[in-house]
C-alpha atoms as a PDB file:
ATOM      1  CA  UNK A   1      -0.311   0.254   0.092  1.00  0.00           C
ATOM      2  CA  UNK A   2       1.440   3.305  -0.877  1.00  0.00           C
ATOM      3  CA  UNK A   3       1.067   6.416   1.282  1.00  0.00           C
ATOM      4  CA  UNK A   4      -1.347   8.040  -1.385  1.00  0.00           C
ATOM      5  CA  UNK A   5      -3.438   4.922  -1.297  1.00  0.00           C
ATOM      6  CA  UNK A   6      -3.486   5.047   2.564  1.00  0.00           C
ATOM      7  CA  UNK A   7      -4.750   8.834   2.454  1.00  0.00           C
ATOM      8  CA  UNK A   8      -6.995   7.779  -0.310  1.00  0.00           C
ATOM      9  CA  UNK A   9      -8.546   5.046   2.307  1.00  0.00           C
ATOM     10  CA  UNK A  10      -8.554   7.472   5.131  1.00  0.00           C
ATOM     11  CA  UNK A  11     -10.428  10.333   3.551  1.00  0.00           C
ATOM     12  CA  UNK A  12     -13.086   7.625   2.115  1.00  0.00           C
ATOM     13  CA  UNK A  13     -13.234   6.433   5.629  1.00  0.00           C
ATOM     14  CA  UNK A  14     -13.555   9.763   6.916  1.00  0.00           C
ATOM     15  CA  UNK A  15     -16.325  10.926   4.500  1.00  0.00           C
ATOM     16  CA  UNK A  16     -18.242   7.553   5.358  1.00  0.00           C
ATOM     17  CA  UNK A  17     -18.046   8.023   8.955  1.00  0.00           C
ATOM     18  CA  UNK A  18     -19.383  11.521   8.550  1.00  0.00           C
ATOM     19  CA  UNK A  19     -22.093  11.015   5.910  1.00  0.00           C
ATOM     20  CA  UNK A  20     -23.040   8.236   8.383  1.00  0.00           C
ATOM     21  CA  UNK A  21     -23.579  10.425  11.113  1.00  0.00           C
ATOM     22  CA  UNK A  22     -25.066  13.119   9.222  1.00  0.00           C
ATOM     23  CA  UNK A  23     -27.691  11.147   7.873  1.00  0.00           C
ATOM     24  CA  UNK A  24     -28.542   9.318  11.027  1.00  0.00           C
ATOM     25  CA  UNK A  25     -29.047  12.926  12.641  1.00  0.00           C
ATOM     26  CA  UNK A  26     -31.816  13.251  10.035  1.00  0.00           C
ATOM     27  CA  UNK A  27     -33.320   9.936  10.943  1.00  0.00           C
ATOM     28  CA  UNK A  28     -32.862   7.914   7.679  1.00  0.00           C
ATOM     29  CA  UNK A  29     -33.937   4.453   8.202  1.00  0.00           C
ATOM     30  CA  UNK A  30     -32.589   1.832   7.532  1.00  0.00           C
ATOM     31  CA  UNK A  31     -29.185   3.726   7.340  1.00  0.00           C
ATOM     32  CA  UNK A  32     -26.124   1.538   5.632  1.00  0.00           C
ATOM     33  CA  UNK A  33     -22.891   1.208   7.471  1.00  0.00           C
ATOM     34  CA  UNK A  34     -20.916   3.157   5.127  1.00  0.00           C
ATOM     35  CA  UNK A  35     -17.777   2.894   7.095  1.00  0.00           C
ATOM     36  CA  UNK A  36     -17.977  -0.627   7.271  1.00  0.00           C
ATOM     37  CA  UNK A  37     -18.424  -0.734   3.471  1.00  0.00           C
ATOM     38  CA  UNK A  38     -14.972   1.005   3.184  1.00  0.00           C
ATOM     39  CA  UNK A  39     -13.554  -1.428   5.466  1.00  0.00           C
ATOM     40  CA  UNK A  40     -14.490  -4.714   3.828  1.00  0.00           C
ATOM     41  CA  UNK A  41     -13.382  -2.955   0.301  1.00  0.00           C
ATOM     42  CA  UNK A  42     -10.060  -2.127   1.783  1.00  0.00           C
ATOM     43  CA  UNK A  43      -9.779  -5.980   3.116  1.00  0.00           C
ATOM     44  CA  UNK A  44     -11.278  -7.777   0.189  1.00  0.00           C
ATOM     45  CA  UNK A  45      -8.331  -5.856  -1.953  1.00  0.00           C
ATOM     46  CA  UNK A  46      -5.635  -5.702   0.125  1.00  0.00           C
ATOM     47  CA  UNK A  47      -5.757  -8.482   2.829  1.00  0.00           C
ATOM     48  CA  UNK A  48      -6.377  -8.779   6.653  1.00  0.00           C
ATOM     49  CA  UNK A  49      -3.797  -6.530   8.017  1.00  0.00           C
ATOM     50  CA  UNK A  50      -4.768  -3.633   5.799  1.00  0.00           C
ATOM     51  CA  UNK A  51      -8.595  -4.529   6.698  1.00  0.00           C
ATOM     52  CA  UNK A  52      -7.671  -4.513  10.450  1.00  0.00           C
ATOM     53  CA  UNK A  53      -5.672  -1.096  10.223  1.00  0.00           C
ATOM     54  CA  UNK A  54      -9.103   0.277   7.897  1.00  0.00           C
ATOM     55  CA  UNK A  55     -11.638  -1.129  10.287  1.00  0.00           C
ATOM     56  CA  UNK A  56      -9.348   0.358  13.607  1.00  0.00           C
ATOM     57  CA  UNK A  57      -9.329   3.720  11.618  1.00  0.00           C
ATOM     58  CA  UNK A  58     -12.675   3.728  10.874  1.00  0.00           C
ATOM     59  CA  UNK A  59     -14.143   2.647  14.146  1.00  0.00           C
ATOM     60  CA  UNK A  60     -11.725   5.074  16.094  1.00  0.00           C
ATOM     61  CA  UNK A  61     -13.767   7.809  13.782  1.00  0.00           C
ATOM     62  CA  UNK A  62     -17.370   6.475  14.654  1.00  0.00           C
ATOM     63  CA  UNK A  63     -16.017   6.583  18.456  1.00  0.00           C
ATOM     64  CA  UNK A  64     -15.173  10.002  18.232  1.00  0.00           C
ATOM     65  CA  UNK A  65     -17.806  11.493  15.983  1.00  0.00           C
ATOM     66  CA  UNK A  66     -20.992  12.312  17.930  1.00  0.00           C
ATOM     67  CA  UNK A  67     -22.555  10.719  19.402  1.00  0.00           C
ATOM     68  CA  UNK A  68     -19.973   8.542  19.815  1.00  0.00           C
ATOM     69  CA  UNK A  69     -19.564   5.217  21.644  1.00  0.00           C
ATOM     70  CA  UNK A  70     -20.802   4.416  25.125  1.00  0.00           C
ATOM     71  CA  UNK A  71     -17.115   2.966  25.668  1.00  0.00           C
ATOM     72  CA  UNK A  72     -14.475   4.747  23.832  1.00  0.00           C
ATOM     73  CA  UNK A  73     -12.739   1.935  21.829  1.00  0.00           C
ATOM     74  CA  UNK A  74     -15.652  -0.238  21.107  1.00  0.00           C
ATOM     75  CA  UNK A  75     -16.163   0.298  17.440  1.00  0.00           C
ATOM     76  CA  UNK A  76     -12.535   0.668  16.723  1.00  0.00           C
ATOM     77  CA  UNK A  77     -12.369  -3.091  18.058  1.00  0.00           C
ATOM     78  CA  UNK A  78     -15.119  -4.141  16.420  1.00  0.00           C
ATOM     79  CA  UNK A  79     -14.576  -2.888  12.868  1.00  0.00           C
ATOM     80  CA  UNK A  80     -10.928  -3.818  13.327  1.00  0.00           C
ATOM     81  CA  UNK A  81     -11.683  -7.674  14.393  1.00  0.00           C
ATOM     82  CA  UNK A  82     -14.282  -7.361  11.255  1.00  0.00           C
ATOM     83  CA  UNK A  83     -11.601  -5.983   8.539  1.00  0.00           C
ATOM     84  CA  UNK A  84      -9.094  -8.756   9.894  1.00  0.00           C
ATOM     85  CA  UNK A  85     -12.054 -11.464   9.171  1.00  0.00           C
ATOM     86  CA  UNK A  86     -12.817 -10.473   6.428  1.00  0.00           C
ATOM     87  CA  UNK A  87      -9.340 -10.001   4.745  1.00  0.00           C
ATOM     88  CA  UNK A  88      -8.848 -13.519   5.686  1.00  0.00           C
ATOM     89  CA  UNK A  89     -12.052 -14.079   2.815  1.00  0.00           C
ATOM     90  CA  UNK A  90      -9.716 -12.064   0.384  1.00  0.00           C
ATOM     91  CA  UNK A  91      -9.852 -13.713  -3.376  1.00  0.00           C
ATOM     92  CA  UNK A  92      -6.702 -12.970  -5.740  1.00  0.00           C
ATOM     93  CA  UNK A  93      -8.156 -11.680  -8.711  1.00  0.00           C
ATOM     94  CA  UNK A  94     -11.491 -10.486 -10.112  1.00  0.00           C
ATOM     95  CA  UNK A  95     -14.355 -10.916  -7.442  1.00  0.00           C
ATOM     96  CA  UNK A  96     -17.878 -11.035  -8.232  1.00  0.00           C
ATOM     97  CA  UNK A  97     -20.298  -8.095  -6.881  1.00  0.00           C
ATOM     98  CA  UNK A  98     -22.291 -11.665  -5.322  1.00  0.00           C
ATOM     99  CA  UNK A  99     -19.362 -12.632  -3.283  1.00  0.00           C
ATOM    100  CA  UNK A 100     -19.152  -8.915  -2.293  1.00  0.00           C
ATOM    101  CA  UNK A 101     -22.657  -8.664  -1.084  1.00  0.00           C
ATOM    102  CA  UNK A 102     -22.295 -12.002   0.709  1.00  0.00           C
ATOM    103  CA  UNK A 103     -19.263 -10.854   2.749  1.00  0.00           C
ATOM    104  CA  UNK A 104     -20.435  -7.179   3.514  1.00  0.00           C
ATOM    105  CA  UNK A 105     -23.775  -8.774   4.337  1.00  0.00           C
ATOM    106  CA  UNK A 106     -22.097 -11.531   6.818  1.00  0.00           C
ATOM    107  CA  UNK A 107     -19.703  -8.801   8.113  1.00  0.00           C
ATOM    108  CA  UNK A 108     -22.854  -6.341   8.651  1.00  0.00           C
ATOM    109  CA  UNK A 109     -24.631  -9.363  10.314  1.00  0.00           C
ATOM    110  CA  UNK A 110     -21.944 -10.054  12.590  1.00  0.00           C
ATOM    111  CA  UNK A 111     -21.251  -6.543  13.673  1.00  0.00           C
ATOM    112  CA  UNK A 112     -25.315  -6.224  14.334  1.00  0.00           C
ATOM    113  CA  UNK A 113     -25.334  -9.390  16.591  1.00  0.00           C
ATOM    114  CA  UNK A 114     -22.333  -8.154  18.815  1.00  0.00           C
ATOM    115  CA  UNK A 115     -23.905  -4.737  18.869  1.00  0.00           C
ATOM    116  CA  UNK A 116     -27.217  -6.221  20.083  1.00  0.00           C
ATOM    117  CA  UNK A 117     -24.947  -8.395  22.799  1.00  0.00           C
ATOM    118  CA  UNK A 118     -23.359  -5.003  23.905  1.00  0.00           C
ATOM    119  CA  UNK A 119     -26.882  -3.443  24.371  1.00  0.00           C
ATOM    120  CA  UNK A 120     -28.663  -5.654  25.797  1.00  0.00           C
ATOM    121  CA  UNK A 121     -25.698  -6.218  28.342  1.00  0.00           C
ATOM    122  CA  UNK A 122     -26.306  -2.454  29.024  1.00  0.00           C
ATOM    123  CA  UNK A 123     -30.192  -3.072  29.165  1.00  0.00           C
ATOM    124  CA  UNK A 124     -31.286  -1.480  26.122  1.00  0.00           C
ATOM    125  CA  UNK A 125     -33.747  -2.793  24.333  1.00  0.00           C
ATOM    126  CA  UNK A 126     -32.942  -4.216  20.595  1.00  0.00           C
ATOM    127  CA  UNK A 127     -34.752  -3.845  17.494  1.00  0.00           C
ATOM    128  CA  UNK A 128     -34.183  -7.286  15.833  1.00  0.00           C
ATOM    129  CA  UNK A 129     -36.251  -5.648  12.500  1.00  0.00           C
ATOM    130  CA  UNK A 130     -34.144  -2.420  12.004  1.00  0.00           C
ATOM    131  CA  UNK A 131     -30.957  -4.350  12.644  1.00  0.00           C
ATOM    132  CA  UNK A 132     -32.086  -6.703   9.675  1.00  0.00           C
ATOM    133  CA  UNK A 133     -32.833  -3.869   7.647  1.00  0.00           C
ATOM    134  CA  UNK A 134     -29.696  -2.228   8.210  1.00  0.00           C
ATOM    135  CA  UNK A 135     -27.660  -5.286   7.146  1.00  0.00           C
ATOM    136  CA  UNK A 136     -29.919  -5.416   3.943  1.00  0.00           C
ATOM    137  CA  UNK A 137     -29.232  -1.855   3.249  1.00  0.00           C
ATOM    138  CA  UNK A 138     -25.820  -2.122   4.022  1.00  0.00           C
ATOM    139  CA  UNK A 139     -25.209  -5.323   1.468  1.00  0.00           C
ATOM    140  CA  UNK A 140     -27.271  -3.065  -1.054  1.00  0.00           C
ATOM    141  CA  UNK A 141     -24.921   0.026  -0.815  1.00  0.00           C
ATOM    142  CA  UNK A 142     -22.038  -2.563  -0.671  1.00  0.00           C
ATOM    143  CA  UNK A 143     -22.568  -3.938  -4.394  1.00  0.00           C
ATOM    144  CA  UNK A 144     -23.115  -0.643  -5.618  1.00  0.00           C
ATOM    145  CA  UNK A 145     -20.159   1.215  -4.057  1.00  0.00           C
ATOM    146  CA  UNK A 146     -17.322  -1.014  -3.418  1.00  0.00           C
ATOM    147  CA  UNK A 147     -16.429  -1.109  -7.139  1.00  0.00           C
ATOM    148  CA  UNK A 148     -16.198   2.756  -6.810  1.00  0.00           C
ATOM    149  CA  UNK A 149     -14.070   2.557  -4.040  1.00  0.00           C
ATOM    150  CA  UNK A 150     -11.621  -0.065  -5.314  1.00  0.00           C
ATOM    151  CA  UNK A 151     -11.193   2.524  -8.480  1.00  0.00           C
ATOM    152  CA  UNK A 152     -10.462   5.069  -6.113  1.00  0.00           C
ATOM    153  CA  UNK A 153      -7.776   3.430  -4.345  1.00  0.00           C
ATOM    154  CA  UNK A 154      -6.498   1.871  -7.671  1.00  0.00           C
ATOM    155  CA  UNK A 155      -6.316   4.945  -9.049  1.00  0.00           C
ATOM    156  CA  UNK A 156      -4.505   6.980  -6.003  1.00  0.00           C
ATOM    157  CA  UNK A 157      -1.939   3.958  -5.637  1.00  0.00           C
ATOM    158  CA  UNK A 158      -1.097   4.632  -9.241  1.00  0.00           C
ATOM    159  CA  UNK A 159      -0.480   8.757  -8.832  1.00  0.00           C
ATOM    160  CA  UNK A 160       3.096   9.681  -8.488  1.00  0.00           C
ATOM    161  CA  UNK A 161       3.602  12.737  -6.856  1.00  0.00           C
ATOM    162  CA  UNK A 162       6.454  14.902  -7.841  1.00  0.00           C
END
């Protein structure tokens, strides 16, 4: 991964986090997890290490942007583990859109299960239908956005700065 690729990935993570927080403030439902889409794209493209780092950075952004996390670092750990796991599913060469949708749906489903368990541990009620709709929305948006994110990352890595 080149420095320009890392900067492009960080900018995409920041864009996804800010856009997600902004749309959540507008009470848009179901809200797709845009940070997860960027993390999955990075992990599928570059492997577990980059997936782990992208998930860590994306999770920290979600922890720090309002409304934040009840326990600082929770989202960072969740997204880092998710990026690591998705990176292990990396396939060399071109990847089908169906595979991307399945991987994103699995990652989003795993995140929702852990979030539900954390909410139940804190005594907060969990809406299963809303969680399921969020997984479907994330997988749908991921099918469309992941090819564009990959193209942006490839293009930024090809550029040479003088």
